PDB file of all heavy atoms in Angstrom:
ATOM      1  N   LEU A   1      28.813  19.849  22.283  1.00  0.00           N
ATOM      2  CA  LEU A   1      27.881  18.935  22.923  1.00  0.00           C
ATOM      3  C   LEU A   1      26.473  19.508  22.952  1.00  0.00           C
ATOM      4  O   LEU A   1      26.279  20.723  23.088  1.00  0.00           O
ATOM      5  CB  LEU A   1      28.329  18.644  24.356  1.00  0.00           C
ATOM      6  CG  LEU A   1      29.701  18.004  24.537  1.00  0.00           C
ATOM      7  CD1 LEU A   1      29.955  17.685  26.007  1.00  0.00           C
ATOM      8  CD2 LEU A   1      29.832  16.741  23.682  1.00  0.00           C
ATOM      9  N   GLU A   2      25.504  18.636  22.815  1.00  0.00           N
ATOM     10  CA  GLU A   2      24.092  19.028  22.859  1.00  0.00           C
ATOM     11  C   GLU A   2      23.406  18.342  24.032  1.00  0.00           C
ATOM     12  O   GLU A   2      23.675  17.169  24.332  1.00  0.00           O
ATOM     13  CB  GLU A   2      23.382  18.580  21.572  1.00  0.00           C
ATOM     14  CG  GLU A   2      23.916  19.211  20.309  1.00  0.00           C
ATOM     15  CD  GLU A   2      23.411  20.626  20.081  1.00  0.00           C
ATOM     16  OE1 GLU A   2      22.454  21.023  20.762  1.00  0.00           O
ATOM     17  OE2 GLU A   2      23.983  21.312  19.207  1.00  0.00           O
ATOM     18  N   HIS A   3      22.527  19.086  24.675  1.00  0.00           N
ATOM     19  CA  HIS A   3      21.660  18.528  25.701  1.00  0.00           C
ATOM     20  C   HIS A   3      20.712  17.538  25.029  1.00  0.00           C
ATOM     21  O   HIS A   3      20.545  17.536  23.817  1.00  0.00           O
ATOM     22  CB  HIS A   3      20.857  19.664  26.358  1.00  0.00           C
ATOM     23  CG  HIS A   3      20.210  19.308  27.650  1.00  0.00           C
ATOM     24  ND1 HIS A   3      19.059  18.581  27.726  1.00  0.00           N
ATOM     25  CD2 HIS A   3      20.546  19.588  28.935  1.00  0.00           C
ATOM     26  CE1 HIS A   3      18.695  18.439  28.979  1.00  0.00           C
ATOM     27  NE2 HIS A   3      19.587  19.048  29.747  1.00  0.00           N
ATOM     28  N   ALA A   4      20.097  16.675  25.796  1.00  0.00           N
ATOM     29  CA  ALA A   4      19.106  15.748  25.248  1.00  0.00           C
ATOM     30  C   ALA A   4      17.985  16.526  24.543  1.00  0.00           C
ATOM     31  O   ALA A   4      17.630  17.633  24.914  1.00  0.00           O
ATOM     32  CB  ALA A   4      18.513  14.896  26.355  1.00  0.00           C
ATOM     33  N   LEU A   5      17.449  15.933  23.482  1.00  0.00           N
ATOM     34  CA  LEU A   5      16.281  16.439  22.777  1.00  0.00           C
ATOM     35  C   LEU A   5      16.473  17.809  22.115  1.00  0.00           C
ATOM     36  O   LEU A   5      15.631  18.699  22.279  1.00  0.00           O
ATOM     37  CB  LEU A   5      15.042  16.460  23.678  1.00  0.00           C
ATOM     38  CG  LEU A   5      14.623  15.099  24.233  1.00  0.00           C
ATOM     39  CD1 LEU A   5      13.534  15.268  25.282  1.00  0.00           C
ATOM     40  CD2 LEU A   5      14.141  14.193  23.109  1.00  0.00           C
ATOM     41  N   PRO A   6      17.528  18.035  21.366  1.00  0.00           N
ATOM     42  CA  PRO A   6      17.642  19.295  20.612  1.00  0.00           C
ATOM     43  C   PRO A   6      16.558  19.383  19.554  1.00  0.00           C
ATOM     44  O   PRO A   6      16.049  18.364  19.074  1.00  0.00           O
ATOM     45  CB  PRO A   6      19.043  19.186  19.988  1.00  0.00           C
ATOM     46  CG  PRO A   6      19.295  17.732  19.864  1.00  0.00           C
ATOM     47  CD  PRO A   6      18.650  17.103  21.070  1.00  0.00           C
ATOM     48  N   ASP A   7      16.196  20.590  19.176  1.00  0.00           N
ATOM     49  CA  ASP A   7      15.153  20.802  18.181  1.00  0.00           C
ATOM     50  C   ASP A   7      15.763  20.708  16.771  1.00  0.00           C
ATOM     51  O   ASP A   7      15.961  21.717  16.082  1.00  0.00           O
ATOM     52  CB  ASP A   7      14.493  22.169  18.398  1.00  0.00           C
ATOM     53  CG  ASP A   7      13.245  22.363  17.566  1.00  0.00           C
ATOM     54  OD1 ASP A   7      12.857  21.423  16.836  1.00  0.00           O
ATOM     55  OD2 ASP A   7      12.645  23.464  17.638  1.00  0.00           O
ATOM     56  N   VAL A   8      16.032  19.497  16.351  1.00  0.00           N
ATOM     57  CA  VAL A   8      16.795  19.236  15.130  1.00  0.00           C
ATOM     58  C   VAL A   8      16.114  19.791  13.887  1.00  0.00           C
ATOM     59  O   VAL A   8      16.773  20.340  12.976  1.00  0.00           O
ATOM     60  CB  VAL A   8      17.035  17.709  14.983  1.00  0.00           C
ATOM     61  CG1 VAL A   8      17.657  17.384  13.612  1.00  0.00           C
ATOM     62  CG2 VAL A   8      17.922  17.208  16.113  1.00  0.00           C
ATOM     63  N   LEU A   9      14.813  19.681  13.794  1.00  0.00           N
ATOM     64  CA  LEU A   9      14.095  20.128  12.607  1.00  0.00           C
ATOM     65  C   LEU A   9      13.570  21.557  12.725  1.00  0.00           C
ATOM     66  O   LEU A   9      12.937  22.058  11.810  1.00  0.00           O
ATOM     67  CB  LEU A   9      12.937  19.177  12.303  1.00  0.00           C
ATOM     68  CG  LEU A   9      13.328  17.730  11.959  1.00  0.00           C
ATOM     69  CD1 LEU A   9      12.096  16.880  11.736  1.00  0.00           C
ATOM     70  CD2 LEU A   9      14.243  17.683  10.745  1.00  0.00           C
ATOM     71  N   GLY A  10      13.850  22.194  13.866  1.00  0.00           N
ATOM     72  CA  GLY A  10      13.359  23.549  14.090  1.00  0.00           C
ATOM     73  C   GLY A  10      14.468  24.535  14.353  1.00  0.00           C
ATOM     74  O   GLY A  10      15.321  24.756  13.521  1.00  0.00           O
ATOM     75  N   THR A  11      14.461  25.095  15.543  1.00  0.00           N
ATOM     76  CA  THR A  11      15.387  26.160  15.847  1.00  0.00           C
ATOM     77  C   THR A  11      16.852  25.749  15.831  1.00  0.00           C
ATOM     78  O   THR A  11      17.731  26.589  15.638  1.00  0.00           O
ATOM     79  CB  THR A  11      15.057  26.762  17.234  1.00  0.00           C
ATOM     80  OG1 THR A  11      15.105  25.711  18.225  1.00  0.00           O
ATOM     81  CG2 THR A  11      13.664  27.372  17.240  1.00  0.00           C
ATOM     82  N   ASP A  12      17.141  24.474  16.031  1.00  0.00           N
ATOM     83  CA  ASP A  12      18.530  24.013  16.057  1.00  0.00           C
ATOM     84  C   ASP A  12      18.981  23.391  14.723  1.00  0.00           C
ATOM     85  O   ASP A  12      20.079  22.849  14.651  1.00  0.00           O
ATOM     86  CB  ASP A  12      18.704  22.976  17.165  1.00  0.00           C
ATOM     87  CG  ASP A  12      18.327  23.522  18.536  1.00  0.00           C
ATOM     88  OD1 ASP A  12      18.520  24.734  18.749  1.00  0.00           O
ATOM     89  OD2 ASP A  12      17.838  22.756  19.378  1.00  0.00           O
ATOM     90  N   ARG A  13      18.146  23.468  13.707  1.00  0.00           N
ATOM     91  CA  ARG A  13      18.408  22.769  12.455  1.00  0.00           C
ATOM     92  C   ARG A  13      19.784  23.109  11.863  1.00  0.00           C
ATOM     93  O   ARG A  13      20.507  22.214  11.390  1.00  0.00           O
ATOM     94  CB  ARG A  13      17.313  23.110  11.451  1.00  0.00           C
ATOM     95  CG  ARG A  13      17.460  22.420  10.095  1.00  0.00           C
ATOM     96  CD  ARG A  13      16.437  22.927   9.085  1.00  0.00           C
ATOM     97  NE  ARG A  13      16.571  22.263   7.812  1.00  0.00           N
ATOM     98  CZ  ARG A  13      15.753  21.337   7.347  1.00  0.00           C
ATOM     99  NH1 ARG A  13      14.723  20.958   8.093  1.00  0.00           N
ATOM    100  NH2 ARG A  13      15.929  20.778   6.175  1.00  0.00           N
ATOM    101  N   GLU A  14      20.187  24.352  11.904  1.00  0.00           N
ATOM    102  CA  GLU A  14      21.434  24.787  11.277  1.00  0.00           C
ATOM    103  C   GLU A  14      22.644  24.043  11.840  1.00  0.00           C
ATOM    104  O   GLU A  14      23.637  23.833  11.133  1.00  0.00           O
ATOM    105  CB  GLU A  14      21.591  26.295  11.433  1.00  0.00           C
ATOM    106  CG  GLU A  14      22.763  26.876  10.662  1.00  0.00           C
ATOM    107  CD  GLU A  14      22.821  28.368  10.752  1.00  0.00           C
ATOM    108  OE1 GLU A  14      21.760  28.977  10.989  1.00  0.00           O
ATOM    109  OE2 GLU A  14      23.917  28.938  10.612  1.00  0.00           O
ATOM    110  N   ARG A  15      22.570  23.674  13.100  1.00  0.00           N
ATOM    111  CA  ARG A  15      23.707  23.013  13.735  1.00  0.00           C
ATOM    112  C   ARG A  15      23.859  21.558  13.263  1.00  0.00           C
ATOM    113  O   ARG A  15      24.921  20.958  13.454  1.00  0.00           O
ATOM    114  CB  ARG A  15      23.574  23.061  15.255  1.00  0.00           C
ATOM    115  CG  ARG A  15      23.623  24.452  15.830  1.00  0.00           C
ATOM    116  CD  ARG A  15      24.082  24.435  17.285  1.00  0.00           C
ATOM    117  NE  ARG A  15      23.199  23.668  18.146  1.00  0.00           N
ATOM    118  CZ  ARG A  15      22.143  24.182  18.778  1.00  0.00           C
ATOM    119  NH1 ARG A  15      21.822  25.458  18.580  1.00  0.00           N
ATOM    120  NH2 ARG A  15      21.404  23.446  19.568  1.00  0.00           N
ATOM    121  N   PHE A  16      22.813  20.991  12.672  1.00  0.00           N
ATOM    122  CA  PHE A  16      22.836  19.574  12.322  1.00  0.00           C
ATOM    123  C   PHE A  16      22.788  19.312  10.823  1.00  0.00           C
ATOM    124  O   PHE A  16      23.262  18.275  10.351  1.00  0.00           O
ATOM    125  CB  PHE A  16      21.649  18.859  12.984  1.00  0.00           C
ATOM    126  CG  PHE A  16      21.685  18.903  14.489  1.00  0.00           C
ATOM    127  CD1 PHE A  16      21.000  19.883  15.189  1.00  0.00           C
ATOM    128  CD2 PHE A  16      22.425  17.988  15.201  1.00  0.00           C
ATOM    129  CE1 PHE A  16      21.038  19.931  16.572  1.00  0.00           C
ATOM    130  CE2 PHE A  16      22.482  18.016  16.591  1.00  0.00           C
ATOM    131  CZ  PHE A  16      21.785  18.997  17.275  1.00  0.00           C
ATOM    132  N   ALA A  17      22.176  20.209  10.057  1.00  0.00           N
ATOM    133  CA  ALA A  17      21.996  19.991   8.615  1.00  0.00           C
ATOM    134  C   ALA A  17      23.343  19.880   7.907  1.00  0.00           C
ATOM    135  O   ALA A  17      24.216  20.733   8.059  1.00  0.00           O
ATOM    136  CB  ALA A  17      21.167  21.130   8.017  1.00  0.00           C
ATOM    137  N   GLY A  18      23.505  18.820   7.148  1.00  0.00           N
ATOM    138  CA  GLY A  18      24.726  18.605   6.393  1.00  0.00           C
ATOM    139  C   GLY A  18      25.925  18.240   7.229  1.00  0.00           C
ATOM    140  O   GLY A  18      27.064  18.313   6.749  1.00  0.00           O
ATOM    141  N   ARG A  19      25.699  17.826   8.463  1.00  0.00           N
ATOM    142  CA  ARG A  19      26.794  17.516   9.362  1.00  0.00           C
ATOM    143  C   ARG A  19      26.633  16.127   9.940  1.00  0.00           C
ATOM    144  O   ARG A  19      25.594  15.496   9.810  1.00  0.00           O
ATOM    145  CB  ARG A  19      26.861  18.567  10.488  1.00  0.00           C
ATOM    146  CG  ARG A  19      27.105  19.971   9.955  1.00  0.00           C
ATOM    147  CD  ARG A  19      27.270  20.987  11.074  1.00  0.00           C
ATOM    148  NE  ARG A  19      27.528  22.308  10.550  1.00  0.00           N
ATOM    149  CZ  ARG A  19      27.779  23.360  11.309  1.00  0.00           C
ATOM    150  NH1 ARG A  19      27.788  23.246  12.624  1.00  0.00           N
ATOM    151  NH2 ARG A  19      28.029  24.534  10.756  1.00  0.00           N
ATOM    152  N   HIS A  20      27.699  15.681  10.594  1.00  0.00           N
ATOM    153  CA  HIS A  20      27.695  14.366  11.210  1.00  0.00           C
ATOM    154  C   HIS A  20      27.410  14.487  12.706  1.00  0.00           C
ATOM    155  O   HIS A  20      28.135  15.195  13.420  1.00  0.00           O
ATOM    156  CB  HIS A  20      29.052  13.678  11.002  1.00  0.00           C
ATOM    157  CG  HIS A  20      29.130  12.306  11.606  1.00  0.00           C
ATOM    158  ND1 HIS A  20      30.320  11.685  11.910  1.00  0.00           N
ATOM    159  CD2 HIS A  20      28.156  11.425  11.970  1.00  0.00           C
ATOM    160  CE1 HIS A  20      30.071  10.495  12.425  1.00  0.00           C
ATOM    161  NE2 HIS A  20      28.762  10.319  12.465  1.00  0.00           N
ATOM    162  N   THR A  21      26.351  13.843  13.177  1.00  0.00           N
ATOM    163  CA  THR A  21      25.969  13.878  14.576  1.00  0.00           C
ATOM    164  C   THR A  21      26.103  12.502  15.181  1.00  0.00           C
ATOM    165  O   THR A  21      25.629  11.506  14.637  1.00  0.00           O
ATOM    166  CB  THR A  21      24.521  14.373  14.753  1.00  0.00           C
ATOM    167  OG1 THR A  21      24.400  15.695  14.233  1.00  0.00           O
ATOM    168  CG2 THR A  21      24.152  14.398  16.229  1.00  0.00           C
ATOM    169  N   LEU A  22      26.736  12.455  16.336  1.00  0.00           N
ATOM    170  CA  LEU A  22      26.847  11.220  17.116  1.00  0.00           C
ATOM    171  C   LEU A  22      25.892  11.333  18.303  1.00  0.00           C
ATOM    172  O   LEU A  22      25.982  12.266  19.090  1.00  0.00           O
ATOM    173  CB  LEU A  22      28.287  11.035  17.607  1.00  0.00           C
ATOM    174  CG  LEU A  22      28.524   9.906  18.613  1.00  0.00           C
ATOM    175  CD1 LEU A  22      28.263   8.552  17.988  1.00  0.00           C
ATOM    176  CD2 LEU A  22      29.937   9.985  19.176  1.00  0.00           C
ATOM    177  N   VAL A  23      24.951  10.394  18.410  1.00  0.00           N
ATOM    178  CA  VAL A  23      24.010  10.346  19.529  1.00  0.00           C
ATOM    179  C   VAL A  23      24.451   9.266  20.485  1.00  0.00           C
ATOM    180  O   VAL A  23      24.630   8.109  20.080  1.00  0.00           O
ATOM    181  CB  VAL A  23      22.569  10.089  19.039  1.00  0.00           C
ATOM    182  CG1 VAL A  23      21.614   9.993  20.228  1.00  0.00           C
ATOM    183  CG2 VAL A  23      22.119  11.187  18.078  1.00  0.00           C
ATOM    184  N   VAL A  24      24.603   9.620  21.735  1.00  0.00           N
ATOM    185  CA  VAL A  24      25.041   8.672  22.754  1.00  0.00           C
ATOM    186  C   VAL A  24      23.897   8.422  23.725  1.00  0.00           C
ATOM    187  O   VAL A  24      23.389   9.349  24.344  1.00  0.00           O
ATOM    188  CB  VAL A  24      26.259   9.229  23.530  1.00  0.00           C
ATOM    189  CG1 VAL A  24      26.756   8.199  24.551  1.00  0.00           C
ATOM    190  CG2 VAL A  24      27.369   9.614  22.574  1.00  0.00           C
TER     191      VAL A  24
END
């Protein structure tokens, strides 16, 4: 789980790149 507003294009990029993310 991720808190609101993760730094998708910056420091948190590795957790999201090439993966499936569900935003609720």
